[in-house]
Amino acid sequence: MERAAVLAAGLNVALKLVAVYVAPYPADLDCPAATKEHLTSRLTELRERSTLPSSVELVVARDRSEGLRQVLPPGSTVLLGSRRRWWRTPEERLARALTHQGHRVSLIHFE
């Protein structure tokens, strides 16, 4: 959140913190209540640590790219965090997919 605040300094931005729950194919497109509560509380904790105006949203989808497509307007700026690895991480693959969809993506590596 600190890096998001630094990147947004001087800009009129509002953050949207999104968690995508990936529902397996045989199951209904629904999020279990305990998982929903956990994800929402984690996003709320992050939001409270930020000085920027922000909102929290939980999306249920079959894959992360589809879920983000539901909530991101075209041409959105997206910040993704990922651990630095020598192999391609799921976040890096998601960043690539979002870039191909026309979004501006910044991938922030952390330890």
Protein backbone atom coordinates (compact mmCIF):
# COMPACT_ATOMS: atom_id res chain seq x y z
CA MET A 1 0.00 0.00 0.00
CA GLU A 2 2.91 2.30 0.65
CA ARG A 3 4.15 1.88 -2.92
CA ALA A 4 0.66 2.58 -4.27
CA ALA A 5 0.57 5.81 -2.25
CA VAL A 6 3.98 6.84 -3.59
CA LEU A 7 2.96 6.11 -7.18
CA ALA A 8 -0.31 8.02 -6.75
CA ALA A 9 1.26 11.06 -5.07
CA GLY A 10 -0.13 14.24 -6.58
CA LEU A 11 -2.76 12.42 -8.62
CA ASN A 12 -6.50 12.33 -8.10
CA VAL A 13 -6.93 8.57 -7.70
CA ALA A 14 -9.19 6.15 -5.89
CA LEU A 15 -7.98 2.63 -5.27
CA LYS A 16 -10.15 -0.41 -5.82
CA LEU A 17 -8.84 -3.38 -3.85
CA VAL A 18 -10.07 -6.51 -5.58
CA ALA A 19 -9.87 -10.13 -4.52
CA VAL A 20 -10.91 -12.77 -7.03
CA TYR A 21 -12.16 -16.05 -5.63
CA VAL A 22 -11.70 -18.72 -8.29
CA ALA A 23 -14.58 -21.19 -8.10
CA PRO A 24 -13.75 -24.66 -9.43
CA TYR A 25 -15.69 -25.76 -12.51
CA PRO A 26 -17.86 -28.53 -11.04
CA ALA A 27 -18.98 -26.25 -8.18
CA ASP A 28 -21.56 -23.48 -8.28
CA LEU A 29 -20.26 -19.99 -8.99
CA ASP A 30 -20.33 -19.04 -5.31
CA CYS A 31 -17.85 -18.24 -2.56
CA PRO A 32 -18.06 -20.10 0.77
CA ALA A 33 -19.10 -17.79 3.62
CA ALA A 34 -15.90 -18.34 5.65
CA THR A 35 -13.70 -17.63 2.64
CA LYS A 36 -15.72 -14.54 1.74
CA GLU A 37 -15.41 -13.22 5.29
CA HIS A 38 -11.65 -13.90 5.37
CA LEU A 39 -10.94 -12.25 2.01
CA THR A 40 -13.10 -9.24 2.80
CA SER A 41 -11.43 -8.72 6.17
CA ARG A 42 -7.95 -8.94 4.61
CA LEU A 43 -8.89 -6.33 1.98
CA THR A 44 -10.39 -4.11 4.66
CA GLU A 45 -7.15 -4.32 6.67
CA LEU A 46 -5.21 -3.23 3.60
CA ARG A 47 -7.64 -0.40 2.94
CA GLU A 48 -7.28 0.88 6.49
CA ARG A 49 -3.48 1.06 6.08
CA SER A 50 -3.82 3.35 3.08
CA THR A 51 -4.13 7.11 3.12
CA LEU A 52 -5.75 7.05 -0.33
CA PRO A 53 -9.51 6.82 -0.87
CA SER A 54 -10.29 3.19 -1.64
CA SER A 55 -13.01 0.59 -1.93
CA VAL A 56 -13.06 -3.17 -1.43
CA GLU A 57 -14.59 -5.67 -3.85
CA LEU A 58 -14.77 -9.46 -3.88
CA VAL A 59 -15.43 -11.13 -7.22
CA VAL A 60 -16.30 -14.78 -7.84
CA ALA A 61 -15.20 -16.12 -11.23
CA ARG A 62 -13.79 -19.18 -12.97
CA ASP A 63 -10.34 -17.58 -13.42
CA ARG A 64 -8.61 -14.42 -12.15
CA SER A 65 -8.42 -12.72 -15.53
CA GLU A 66 -12.16 -13.14 -16.07
CA GLY A 67 -12.90 -11.86 -12.58
CA LEU A 68 -10.83 -8.73 -13.04
CA ARG A 69 -12.42 -8.12 -16.41
CA GLN A 70 -15.77 -7.86 -14.58
CA VAL A 71 -14.66 -4.99 -12.34
CA LEU A 72 -11.99 -3.09 -14.29
CA PRO A 73 -13.07 -0.40 -16.73
CA PRO A 74 -11.18 -0.45 -20.06
CA GLY A 75 -7.72 1.08 -19.85
CA SER A 76 -7.42 0.81 -16.06
CA THR A 77 -4.12 1.14 -14.29
CA VAL A 78 -3.44 -2.03 -12.29
CA LEU A 79 -0.82 -2.61 -9.59
CA LEU A 80 0.06 -6.23 -8.92
CA GLY A 81 2.40 -7.47 -6.22
CA SER A 82 4.50 -10.58 -6.67
CA ARG A 83 7.38 -12.30 -4.98
CA ARG A 84 10.56 -12.30 -7.04
CA ARG A 85 11.18 -15.76 -8.45
CA TRP A 86 13.35 -17.11 -11.25
CA TRP A 87 10.28 -18.75 -12.83
CA ARG A 88 7.22 -16.92 -14.12
CA THR A 89 4.74 -16.38 -11.29
CA PRO A 90 0.94 -16.47 -11.63
CA GLU A 91 0.93 -12.71 -11.04
CA GLU A 92 3.32 -12.18 -13.96
CA ARG A 93 1.06 -14.27 -16.20
CA LEU A 94 -1.93 -12.25 -15.02
CA ALA A 95 -0.07 -8.99 -15.71
CA ARG A 96 0.62 -10.16 -19.24
CA ALA A 97 -3.04 -11.11 -19.81
CA LEU A 98 -4.25 -7.76 -18.47
CA THR A 99 -1.79 -5.90 -20.69
CA HIS A 100 -3.14 -7.76 -23.72
CA GLN A 101 -6.64 -6.67 -22.66
CA GLY A 102 -5.55 -3.03 -22.86
CA HIS A 103 -4.82 -2.22 -19.21
CA ARG A 104 -1.70 -0.46 -17.94
CA VAL A 105 -0.06 -2.85 -15.49
CA SER A 106 2.74 -2.28 -13.00
CA LEU A 107 4.16 -5.37 -11.38
CA ILE A 108 5.79 -4.67 -8.03
CA HIS A 109 8.22 -7.32 -6.81
CA PHE A 110 8.76 -7.73 -3.08
CA GLU A 111 10.69 -10.10 -0.84
